[in-house]
Structures are given as structure tokens and as C-alpha cells.
PDB file of N, CA and C in Angstrom:
ATOM      1  N   MET A   1     -20.194 -62.038 -25.216  1.00  0.00           N
ATOM      2  CA  MET A   1     -20.496 -61.266 -24.261  1.00  0.00           C
ATOM      3  C   MET A   1     -22.172 -61.760 -24.058  1.00  0.00           C
ATOM      4  N   SER A   2     -22.131 -61.875 -22.883  1.00  0.00           N
ATOM      5  CA  SER A   2     -23.770 -62.200 -22.508  1.00  0.00           C
ATOM      6  C   SER A   2     -24.898 -61.083 -22.832  1.00  0.00           C
ATOM      7  N   LEU A   3     -26.109 -61.353 -22.826  1.00  0.00           N
ATOM      8  CA  LEU A   3     -27.187 -60.233 -22.899  1.00  0.00           C
ATOM      9  C   LEU A   3     -26.973 -59.360 -21.824  1.00  0.00           C
ATOM     10  N   THR A   4     -26.782 -59.860 -20.929  1.00  0.00           N
ATOM     11  CA  THR A   4     -26.557 -59.180 -19.374  1.00  0.00           C
ATOM     12  C   THR A   4     -25.674 -58.208 -19.382  1.00  0.00           C
ATOM     13  N   GLY A   5     -24.514 -58.810 -20.211  1.00  0.00           N
ATOM     14  CA  GLY A   5     -23.325 -57.705 -19.757  1.00  0.00           C
ATOM     15  C   GLY A   5     -23.274 -56.545 -20.854  1.00  0.00           C
ATOM     16  N   LYS A   6     -24.054 -56.510 -22.053  1.00  0.00           N
ATOM     17  CA  LYS A   6     -24.392 -55.888 -23.322  1.00  0.00           C
ATOM     18  C   LYS A   6     -25.475 -54.645 -22.849  1.00  0.00           C
ATOM     19  N   MET A   7     -26.502 -55.321 -21.956  1.00  0.00           N
ATOM     20  CA  MET A   7     -27.300 -54.427 -21.531  1.00  0.00           C
ATOM     21  C   MET A   7     -26.484 -53.430 -20.189  1.00  0.00           C
ATOM     22  N   LEU A   8     -25.653 -54.139 -19.433  1.00  0.00           N
ATOM     23  CA  LEU A   8     -25.231 -53.074 -18.449  1.00  0.00           C
ATOM     24  C   LEU A   8     -24.054 -52.286 -19.107  1.00  0.00           C
ATOM     25  N   VAL A   9     -23.435 -52.701 -20.318  1.00  0.00           N
ATOM     26  CA  VAL A   9     -22.512 -51.654 -21.015  1.00  0.00           C
ATOM     27  C   VAL A   9     -23.458 -50.350 -21.546  1.00  0.00           C
ATOM     28  N   ALA A  10     -24.280 -50.933 -22.130  1.00  0.00           N
ATOM     29  CA  ALA A  10     -25.518 -50.112 -23.001  1.00  0.00           C
ATOM     30  C   ALA A  10     -26.256 -49.085 -21.773  1.00  0.00           C
ATOM     31  N   PHE A  11     -26.439 -49.374 -20.573  1.00  0.00           N
ATOM     32  CA  PHE A  11     -27.107 -48.608 -19.886  1.00  0.00           C
ATOM     33  C   PHE A  11     -25.803 -47.671 -18.851  1.00  0.00           C
ATOM     34  N   LEU A  12     -24.873 -48.322 -18.680  1.00  0.00           N
ATOM     35  CA  LEU A  12     -23.548 -47.455 -18.315  1.00  0.00           C
ATOM     36  C   LEU A  12     -23.441 -46.298 -19.239  1.00  0.00           C
ATOM     37  N   THR A  13     -23.467 -46.746 -20.497  1.00  0.00           N
ATOM     38  CA  THR A  13     -23.009 -45.699 -21.235  1.00  0.00           C
ATOM     39  C   THR A  13     -23.982 -44.610 -21.467  1.00  0.00           C
ATOM     40  N   ILE A  14     -25.289 -45.084 -21.281  1.00  0.00           N
ATOM     41  CA  ILE A  14     -26.188 -43.957 -22.162  1.00  0.00           C
ATOM     42  C   ILE A  14     -26.614 -42.996 -20.367  1.00  0.00           C
ATOM     43  N   GLY A  15     -26.168 -43.904 -19.570  1.00  0.00           N
ATOM     44  CA  GLY A  15     -26.431 -42.959 -18.096  1.00  0.00           C
ATOM     45  C   GLY A  15     -25.041 -42.020 -18.196  1.00  0.00           C
ATOM     46  N   LEU A  16     -23.614 -42.326 -18.522  1.00  0.00           N
ATOM     47  CA  LEU A  16     -22.769 -41.413 -17.813  1.00  0.00           C
ATOM     48  C   LEU A  16     -22.407 -40.365 -18.973  1.00  0.00           C
ATOM     49  N   ILE A  17     -23.204 -40.655 -20.411  1.00  0.00           N
ATOM     50  CA  ILE A  17     -23.122 -39.286 -21.308  1.00  0.00           C
ATOM     51  C   ILE A  17     -23.729 -38.038 -20.328  1.00  0.00           C
ATOM     52  N   PRO A  18     -25.259 -38.374 -20.088  1.00  0.00           N
ATOM     53  CA  PRO A  18     -25.541 -36.907 -19.522  1.00  0.00           C
ATOM     54  C   PRO A  18     -24.737 -36.295 -18.274  1.00  0.00           C
ATOM     55  N   LEU A  19     -24.492 -37.603 -17.461  1.00  0.00           N
ATOM     56  CA  LEU A  19     -23.709 -36.995 -16.302  1.00  0.00           C
ATOM     57  C   LEU A  19     -22.391 -36.662 -16.567  1.00  0.00           C
ATOM     58  N   VAL A  20     -21.707 -36.753 -17.848  1.00  0.00           N
ATOM     59  CA  VAL A  20     -20.212 -36.057 -18.188  1.00  0.00           C
ATOM     60  C   VAL A  20     -20.653 -34.852 -18.468  1.00  0.00           C
ATOM     61  N   ILE A  21     -21.615 -34.638 -19.320  1.00  0.00           N
ATOM     62  CA  ILE A  21     -22.403 -33.247 -19.952  1.00  0.00           C
ATOM     63  C   ILE A  21     -22.831 -32.346 -18.891  1.00  0.00           C
ATOM     64  N   LEU A  22     -23.298 -32.960 -17.745  1.00  0.00           N
ATOM     65  CA  LEU A  22     -23.950 -31.989 -16.578  1.00  0.00           C
ATOM     66  C   LEU A  22     -22.889 -31.680 -15.476  1.00  0.00           C
ATOM     67  N   PHE A  23     -21.618 -32.486 -15.652  1.00  0.00           N
ATOM     68  CA  PHE A  23     -20.379 -31.937 -14.732  1.00  0.00           C
ATOM     69  C   PHE A  23     -19.631 -30.888 -15.519  1.00  0.00           C
ATOM     70  N   TYR A  24     -19.669 -30.898 -16.768  1.00  0.00           N
ATOM     71  CA  TYR A  24     -18.766 -29.683 -17.271  1.00  0.00           C
ATOM     72  C   TYR A  24     -19.910 -28.611 -17.568  1.00  0.00           C
ATOM     73  N   VAL A  25     -21.044 -28.593 -17.313  1.00  0.00           N
ATOM     74  CA  VAL A  25     -21.897 -27.493 -17.413  1.00  0.00           C
ATOM     75  C   VAL A  25     -22.033 -26.770 -15.920  1.00  0.00           C
ATOM     76  N   VAL A  26     -21.877 -27.618 -15.225  1.00  0.00           N
ATOM     77  CA  VAL A  26     -21.711 -27.479 -13.414  1.00  0.00           C
ATOM     78  C   VAL A  26     -20.486 -26.232 -12.986  1.00  0.00           C
ATOM     79  N   ARG A  27     -19.162 -27.452 -13.509  1.00  0.00           N
ATOM     80  CA  ARG A  27     -18.065 -26.905 -13.742  1.00  0.00           C
ATOM     81  C   ARG A  27     -17.897 -25.509 -13.886  1.00  0.00           C
ATOM     82  N   ASN A  28     -18.147 -25.464 -15.508  1.00  0.00           N
ATOM     83  CA  ASN A  28     -17.807 -23.936 -16.204  1.00  0.00           C
ATOM     84  C   ASN A  28     -18.861 -22.940 -15.395  1.00  0.00           C
ATOM     85  N   SER A  29     -19.812 -23.097 -14.993  1.00  0.00           N
ATOM     86  CA  SER A  29     -20.631 -22.458 -14.134  1.00  0.00           C
ATOM     87  C   SER A  29     -20.280 -21.886 -13.035  1.00  0.00           C
ATOM     88  N   ILE A  30     -19.524 -22.805 -12.189  1.00  0.00           N
ATOM     89  CA  ILE A  30     -18.826 -22.603 -10.761  1.00  0.00           C
ATOM     90  C   ILE A  30     -17.484 -21.464 -11.539  1.00  0.00           C
ATOM     91  N   ILE A  31     -16.869 -21.822 -12.591  1.00  0.00           N
ATOM     92  CA  ILE A  31     -15.884 -21.303 -12.682  1.00  0.00           C
ATOM     93  C   ILE A  31     -16.018 -19.612 -13.022  1.00  0.00           C
ATOM     94  N   SER A  32     -17.105 -19.763 -13.890  1.00  0.00           N
ATOM     95  CA  SER A  32     -17.346 -18.082 -14.146  1.00  0.00           C
ATOM     96  C   SER A  32     -17.842 -17.663 -12.817  1.00  0.00           C
ATOM     97  N   ASN A  33     -18.776 -17.941 -12.269  1.00  0.00           N
ATOM     98  CA  ASN A  33     -19.090 -17.328 -11.080  1.00  0.00           C
ATOM     99  C   ASN A  33     -17.961 -17.055  -9.956  1.00  0.00           C
ATOM    100  N   THR A  34     -16.869 -17.613  -9.573  1.00  0.00           N
ATOM    101  CA  THR A  34     -15.813 -17.816  -9.122  1.00  0.00           C
ATOM    102  C   THR A  34     -15.212 -15.942  -9.296  1.00  0.00           C
ATOM    103  N   GLU A  35     -14.953 -16.377 -10.636  1.00  0.00           N
ATOM    104  CA  GLU A  35     -14.346 -15.495 -11.603  1.00  0.00           C
ATOM    105  C   GLU A  35     -15.164 -13.989 -11.018  1.00  0.00           C
ATOM    106  N   LYS A  36     -16.262 -14.202 -11.496  1.00  0.00           N
ATOM    107  CA  LYS A  36     -17.119 -12.774 -10.868  1.00  0.00           C
ATOM    108  C   LYS A  36     -16.883 -12.181  -9.853  1.00  0.00           C
ATOM    109  N   ASP A  37     -16.988 -13.048  -8.939  1.00  0.00           N
ATOM    110  CA  ASP A  37     -17.018 -12.471  -7.620  1.00  0.00           C
ATOM    111  C   ASP A  37     -15.799 -12.051  -7.064  1.00  0.00           C
ATOM    112  N   MET A  38     -14.657 -12.902  -7.375  1.00  0.00           N
ATOM    113  CA  MET A  38     -13.517 -12.322  -7.282  1.00  0.00           C
ATOM    114  C   MET A  38     -13.084 -11.092  -8.298  1.00  0.00           C
ATOM    115  N   GLY A  39     -13.467 -11.087  -9.047  1.00  0.00           N
ATOM    116  CA  GLY A  39     -13.546  -9.502  -9.752  1.00  0.00           C
ATOM    117  C   GLY A  39     -14.052  -8.773  -8.988  1.00  0.00           C
ATOM    118  N   GLY A  40     -15.400  -8.365  -8.503  1.00  0.00           N
ATOM    119  CA  GLY A  40     -16.092  -7.591  -7.525  1.00  0.00           C
ATOM    120  C   GLY A  40     -15.071  -7.391  -6.191  1.00  0.00           C
ATOM    121  N   PHE A  41     -14.969  -8.486  -5.899  1.00  0.00           N
ATOM    122  CA  PHE A  41     -13.917  -8.318  -4.424  1.00  0.00           C
ATOM    123  C   PHE A  41     -12.773  -7.433  -4.797  1.00  0.00           C
ATOM    124  N   TYR A  42     -12.023  -7.516  -5.743  1.00  0.00           N
ATOM    125  CA  TYR A  42     -11.057  -6.963  -6.027  1.00  0.00           C
ATOM    126  C   TYR A  42     -11.029  -5.413  -6.333  1.00  0.00           C
ATOM    127  N   GLU A  43     -12.313  -5.151  -7.128  1.00  0.00           N
ATOM    128  CA  GLU A  43     -13.052  -3.613  -7.298  1.00  0.00           C
ATOM    129  C   GLU A  43     -12.833  -2.927  -6.219  1.00  0.00           C
ATOM    130  N   ILE A  44     -13.695  -3.708  -5.307  1.00  0.00           N
ATOM    131  CA  ILE A  44     -13.970  -3.019  -4.131  1.00  0.00           C
ATOM    132  C   ILE A  44     -12.891  -2.643  -3.005  1.00  0.00           C
ATOM    133  N   VAL A  45     -11.781  -3.662  -3.157  1.00  0.00           N
ATOM    134  CA  VAL A  45     -10.699  -3.431  -2.454  1.00  0.00           C
ATOM    135  C   VAL A  45      -9.736  -2.095  -3.105  1.00  0.00           C
ATOM    136  N   ALA A  46      -9.805  -2.406  -4.603  1.00  0.00           N
ATOM    137  CA  ALA A  46      -9.145  -0.888  -4.813  1.00  0.00           C
ATOM    138  C   ALA A  46      -9.693   0.192  -4.815  1.00  0.00           C
ATOM    139  N   GLU A  47     -11.248   0.098  -4.880  1.00  0.00           N
ATOM    140  CA  GLU A  47     -11.770   1.593  -4.380  1.00  0.00           C
ATOM    141  C   GLU A  47     -11.518   1.996  -2.945  1.00  0.00           C
ATOM    142  N   VAL A  48     -11.425   1.344  -2.186  1.00  0.00           N
ATOM    143  CA  VAL A  48     -11.003   1.419  -0.746  1.00  0.00           C
ATOM    144  C   VAL A  48      -9.629   2.134  -0.727  1.00  0.00           C
ATOM    145  N   ILE A  49      -8.851   1.436  -1.150  1.00  0.00           N
ATOM    146  CA  ILE A  49      -7.328   1.957  -1.347  1.00  0.00           C
ATOM    147  C   ILE A  49      -7.428   3.447  -1.791  1.00  0.00           C
ATOM    148  N   MET A  50      -8.493   3.493  -3.026  1.00  0.00           N
ATOM    149  CA  MET A  50      -8.321   4.675  -3.694  1.00  0.00           C
ATOM    150  C   MET A  50      -8.728   5.850  -2.833  1.00  0.00           C
ATOM    151  N   GLU A  51      -9.899   5.307  -1.677  1.00  0.00           N
ATOM    152  CA  GLU A  51     -10.135   6.563  -0.758  1.00  0.00           C
ATOM    153  C   GLU A  51      -9.657   7.055  -0.172  1.00  0.00           C
ATOM    154  N   LYS A  52      -9.027   6.024   0.472  1.00  0.00           N
ATOM    155  CA  LYS A  52      -7.805   6.471   1.866  1.00  0.00           C
ATOM    156  C   LYS A  52      -6.662   6.826   1.006  1.00  0.00           C
ATOM    157  N   MET A  53      -6.331   6.998  -0.187  1.00  0.00           N
ATOM    158  CA  MET A  53      -4.989   7.731  -0.736  1.00  0.00           C
ATOM    159  C   MET A  53      -5.535   8.805  -0.934  1.00  0.00           C
ATOM    160  N   ASP A  54      -6.555   9.068  -1.557  1.00  0.00           N
ATOM    161  CA  ASP A  54      -7.313  10.455  -1.697  1.00  0.00           C
ATOM    162  C   ASP A  54      -7.313  11.441  -0.300  1.00  0.00           C
ATOM    163  N   GLY A  55      -7.927  10.676   0.605  1.00  0.00           N
ATOM    164  CA  GLY A  55      -7.581  10.999   1.942  1.00  0.00           C
ATOM    165  C   GLY A  55      -6.696  11.693   2.136  1.00  0.00           C
ATOM    166  N   ILE A  56      -5.557  11.148   1.966  1.00  0.00           N
ATOM    167  CA  ILE A  56      -4.074  11.410   2.915  1.00  0.00           C
ATOM    168  C   ILE A  56      -3.929  12.576   1.940  1.00  0.00           C
ATOM    169  N   VAL A  57      -3.584  12.648   0.734  1.00  0.00           N
ATOM    170  CA  VAL A  57      -3.374  13.430  -0.321  1.00  0.00           C
ATOM    171  C   VAL A  57      -3.998  14.851  -0.143  1.00  0.00           C
ATOM    172  N   ALA A  58      -5.274  14.857   0.265  1.00  0.00           N
ATOM    173  CA  ALA A  58      -6.153  15.987   0.251  1.00  0.00           C
ATOM    174  C   ALA A  58      -5.801  16.611   1.676  1.00  0.00           C
ATOM    175  N   GLU A  59      -5.720  15.861   2.624  1.00  0.00           N
ATOM    176  CA  GLU A  59      -5.068  16.069   3.962  1.00  0.00           C
ATOM    177  C   GLU A  59      -3.853  16.930   3.828  1.00  0.00           C
ATOM    178  N   GLY A  60      -3.057  16.492   3.385  1.00  0.00           N
ATOM    179  CA  GLY A  60      -1.725  17.040   3.080  1.00  0.00           C
ATOM    180  C   GLY A  60      -1.707  18.161   2.423  1.00  0.00           C
ATOM    181  N   TYR A  61      -2.399  18.105   1.509  1.00  0.00           N
ATOM    182  CA  TYR A  61      -2.722  19.177   0.423  1.00  0.00           C
ATOM    183  C   TYR A  61      -3.440  20.525   1.580  1.00  0.00           C
ATOM    184  N   SER A  62      -4.301  20.276   2.058  1.00  0.00           N
ATOM    185  CA  SER A  62      -4.779  21.440   3.052  1.00  0.00           C
ATOM    186  C   SER A  62      -3.780  21.994   3.994  1.00  0.00           C
ATOM    187  N   ASP A  63      -3.563  21.087   4.627  1.00  0.00           N
ATOM    188  CA  ASP A  63      -2.031  21.274   5.991  1.00  0.00           C
ATOM    189  C   ASP A  63      -1.184  22.456   4.957  1.00  0.00           C
ATOM    190  N   VAL A  64      -0.735  21.953   3.640  1.00  0.00           N
ATOM    191  CA  VAL A  64       0.190  22.952   3.018  1.00  0.00           C
ATOM    192  C   VAL A  64      -0.711  24.208   2.699  1.00  0.00           C
ATOM    193  N   GLN A  65      -1.658  24.489   2.356  1.00  0.00           N
ATOM    194  CA  GLN A  65      -2.557  25.745   2.091  1.00  0.00           C
ATOM    195  C   GLN A  65      -2.544  26.139   3.291  1.00  0.00           C
ATOM    196  N   ALA A  66      -3.071  25.936   4.461  1.00  0.00           N
ATOM    197  CA  ALA A  66      -3.175  26.547   5.580  1.00  0.00           C
ATOM    198  C   ALA A  66      -1.749  26.952   6.272  1.00  0.00           C
ATOM    199  N   TYR A  67      -0.612  26.620   5.945  1.00  0.00           N
ATOM    200  CA  TYR A  67       0.434  26.875   6.265  1.00  0.00           C
ATOM    201  C   TYR A  67       1.103  28.216   5.299  1.00  0.00           C
ATOM    202  N   VAL A  68       0.819  27.615   4.373  1.00  0.00           N
ATOM    203  CA  VAL A  68       1.385  28.772   3.089  1.00  0.00           C
ATOM    204  C   VAL A  68       0.589  30.412   3.181  1.00  0.00           C
ATOM    205  N   THR A  69      -0.831  30.123   3.854  1.00  0.00           N
ATOM    206  CA  THR A  69      -1.845  31.116   3.454  1.00  0.00           C
ATOM    207  C   THR A  69      -1.850  31.866   4.791  1.00  0.00           C
ATOM    208  N   ASN A  70      -1.220  31.462   5.513  1.00  0.00           N
ATOM    209  CA  ASN A  70      -0.941  32.256   6.650  1.00  0.00           C
ATOM    210  C   ASN A  70      -0.473  33.648   6.854  1.00  0.00           C
ATOM    211  N   GLY A  71      -0.922  34.582   7.209  1.00  0.00           N
ATOM    212  CA  GLY A  71      -0.269  35.656   7.240  1.00  0.00           C
ATOM    213  C   GLY A  71       1.322  35.994   7.792  1.00  0.00           C
ATOM    214  N   ASP A  72       1.255  35.231   8.936  1.00  0.00           N
ATOM    215  CA  ASP A  72       2.576  35.345   9.609  1.00  0.00           C
ATOM    216  C   ASP A  72       3.618  34.444   9.044  1.00  0.00           C
ATOM    217  N   ILE A  73       3.271  33.724   8.284  1.00  0.00           N
ATOM    218  CA  ILE A  73       4.498  32.978   7.221  1.00  0.00           C
ATOM    219  C   ILE A  73       5.164  34.134   6.590  1.00  0.00           C
ATOM    220  N   GLN A  74       4.557  35.008   6.121  1.00  0.00           N
ATOM    221  CA  GLN A  74       4.553  36.176   4.949  1.00  0.00           C
ATOM    222  C   GLN A  74       5.329  36.651   5.672  1.00  0.00           C
ATOM    223  N   ASP A  75       5.835  37.040   7.066  1.00  0.00           N
ATOM    224  CA  ASP A  75       6.447  37.928   7.577  1.00  0.00           C
ATOM    225  C   ASP A  75       7.933  37.797   7.343  1.00  0.00           C
ATOM    226  N   GLN A  76       9.120  38.065   6.458  1.00  0.00           N
ATOM    227  CA  GLN A  76       9.862  37.477   6.157  1.00  0.00           C
ATOM    228  C   GLN A  76      10.998  37.861   7.237  1.00  0.00           C
ATOM    229  N   SER A  77      10.780  39.412   8.304  1.00  0.00           N
ATOM    230  CA  SER A  77      11.525  39.228   9.099  1.00  0.00           C
ATOM    231  C   SER A  77      11.865  38.825  10.371  1.00  0.00           C
ATOM    232  N   SER A  78      10.559  37.594  10.630  1.00  0.00           N
ATOM    233  CA  SER A  78      10.966  37.083  11.898  1.00  0.00           C
ATOM    234  C   SER A  78      11.562  35.468  11.404  1.00  0.00           C
ATOM    235  N   TRP A  79      11.705  35.468   9.843  1.00  0.00           N
ATOM    236  CA  TRP A  79      12.109  33.700   9.853  1.00  0.00           C
ATOM    237  C   TRP A  79      13.091  33.159  10.390  1.00  0.00           C
ATOM    238  N   TYR A  80      14.301  34.184  10.525  1.00  0.00           N
ATOM    239  CA  TYR A  80      15.436  33.679  11.263  1.00  0.00           C
ATOM    240  C   TYR A  80      15.867  34.048  12.575  1.00  0.00           C
ATOM    241  N   SER A  81      15.045  34.312  13.235  1.00  0.00           N
ATOM    242  CA  SER A  81      14.786  34.979  14.334  1.00  0.00           C
ATOM    243  C   SER A  81      15.152  33.563  15.428  1.00  0.00           C
ATOM    244  N   LYS A  82      16.063  33.688  16.580  1.00  0.00           N
ATOM    245  CA  LYS A  82      16.089  32.521  17.150  1.00  0.00           C
ATOM    246  C   LYS A  82      15.429  32.376  18.326  1.00  0.00           C
ATOM    247  N   ASP A  83      14.837  33.224  18.851  1.00  0.00           N
ATOM    248  CA  ASP A  83      14.053  33.360  19.790  1.00  0.00           C
ATOM    249  C   ASP A  83      12.508  32.862  19.600  1.00  0.00           C
ATOM    250  N   PRO A  84      12.026  31.732  19.918  1.00  0.00           N
ATOM    251  CA  PRO A  84      10.834  31.188  19.745  1.00  0.00           C
ATOM    252  C   PRO A  84       9.562  31.924  20.176  1.00  0.00           C
ATOM    253  N   THR A  85       9.613  33.279  20.708  1.00  0.00           N
ATOM    254  CA  THR A  85       8.896  34.098  21.104  1.00  0.00           C
ATOM    255  C   THR A  85       8.463  34.666  19.815  1.00  0.00           C
ATOM    256  N   SER A  86       9.673  35.192  19.343  1.00  0.00           N
ATOM    257  CA  SER A  86       9.295  36.550  18.097  1.00  0.00           C
ATOM    258  C   SER A  86       9.517  36.036  16.723  1.00  0.00           C
ATOM    259  N   ASN A  87       9.801  34.658  16.974  1.00  0.00           N
ATOM    260  CA  ASN A  87       9.514  33.966  15.620  1.00  0.00           C
ATOM    261  C   ASN A  87       8.224  33.430  15.320  1.00  0.00           C
ATOM    262  N   LYS A  88       7.854  34.118  14.140  1.00  0.00           N
ATOM    263  CA  LYS A  88       6.105  33.807  14.198  1.00  0.00           C
ATOM    264  C   LYS A  88       6.069  32.520  13.465  1.00  0.00           C
ATOM    265  N   VAL A  89       6.748  31.888  12.588  1.00  0.00           N
ATOM    266  CA  VAL A  89       7.032  30.674  11.939  1.00  0.00           C
ATOM    267  C   VAL A  89       7.012  29.918  12.835  1.00  0.00           C
ATOM    268  N   THR A  90       7.932  29.713  13.778  1.00  0.00           N
ATOM    269  CA  THR A  90       7.869  28.656  15.057  1.00  0.00           C
ATOM    270  C   THR A  90       6.337  28.663  15.817  1.00  0.00           C
ATOM    271  N   GLN A  91       5.717  30.123  15.931  1.00  0.00           N
ATOM    272  CA  GLN A  91       4.580  29.977  16.986  1.00  0.00           C
ATOM    273  C   GLN A  91       3.597  29.510  15.898  1.00  0.00           C
ATOM    274  N   VAL A  92       3.482  29.882  14.855  1.00  0.00           N
ATOM    275  CA  VAL A  92       2.195  29.121  13.466  1.00  0.00           C
ATOM    276  C   VAL A  92       2.421  27.385  13.649  1.00  0.00           C
ATOM    277  N   MET A  93       3.995  27.213  13.608  1.00  0.00           N
ATOM    278  CA  MET A  93       4.041  25.715  13.581  1.00  0.00           C
ATOM    279  C   MET A  93       3.617  24.918  14.635  1.00  0.00           C
ATOM    280  N   ASP A  94       3.948  25.312  15.706  1.00  0.00           N
ATOM    281  CA  ASP A  94       3.606  25.121  17.168  1.00  0.00           C
ATOM    282  C   ASP A  94       1.940  24.763  17.184  1.00  0.00           C
ATOM    283  N   THR A  95       1.288  25.957  16.598  1.00  0.00           N
ATOM    284  CA  THR A  95       0.082  25.735  16.747  1.00  0.00           C
ATOM    285  C   THR A  95      -0.765  24.879  15.867  1.00  0.00           C
ATOM    286  N   LEU A  96      -0.479  25.054  14.407  1.00  0.00           N
ATOM    287  CA  LEU A  96      -0.733  23.713  13.829  1.00  0.00           C
ATOM    288  C   LEU A  96      -0.444  22.425  14.268  1.00  0.00           C
ATOM    289  N   ILE A  97       0.732  21.999  14.955  1.00  0.00           N
ATOM    290  CA  ILE A  97       0.987  20.648  15.621  1.00  0.00           C
ATOM    291  C   ILE A  97       0.286  20.358  16.462  1.00  0.00           C
ATOM    292  N   SER A  98      -0.245  21.697  17.302  1.00  0.00           N
ATOM    293  CA  SER A  98      -1.240  21.206  18.546  1.00  0.00           C
ATOM    294  C   SER A  98      -2.587  20.893  17.945  1.00  0.00           C
ATOM    295  N   ILE A  99      -2.974  21.173  17.033  1.00  0.00           N
ATOM    296  CA  ILE A  99      -4.489  20.828  16.280  1.00  0.00           C
ATOM    297  C   ILE A  99      -4.848  19.832  16.397  1.00  0.00           C
TER     298      ILE A  99
END
């Protein structure tokens, strides 16, 4: 092999080693940052879903409390009345539904 060929191989080898090292450092940095970004994204999505579920559960719980603590519901004599005007349960439900 001539001197030119030997120098070409030497320069390519010396030049490629830092390039390969730089490639792996940048690649690992990108993968690490992507994983961190995706973890933060999924954390935000989970928080939003939990807040929505908490709101739905709290709303349902307050509806049940409003229904049960209403004094007209406790009047058992009107529970089985078929006339909607004298059935206090029906009147309370109509009021709650219209809200």
C-alpha cells in the first residue's frame, strides 16, 4: 500500500472514532430526553383524567345527598301514591331533574 493510501486510512480512522462517539452521545441524549418528555405527557393526561373522574363522582355523590336529605322524600305516606300531584317523591324528582 502506498503512503497516500496509508495516510487516507489513518485520517479516516482518526476522524471516524470521534464521529462514532459523538453519534452515540447525541443518540443517548435524544432517547433520554424523549422518554422524559413522554413521561411528563402521560402524567398530565393521567391528572386530567383523574380530575374529570373526581368531578363526576363528586357530582353524583352530591345529587344523592340532595335527594336523600330532602324532607319530602322521608314522608313514607306519599311513596306509593299514583297521583303525581300528591306523590312528593315524584315532585322532588321533577324539581331535581329540571335543575
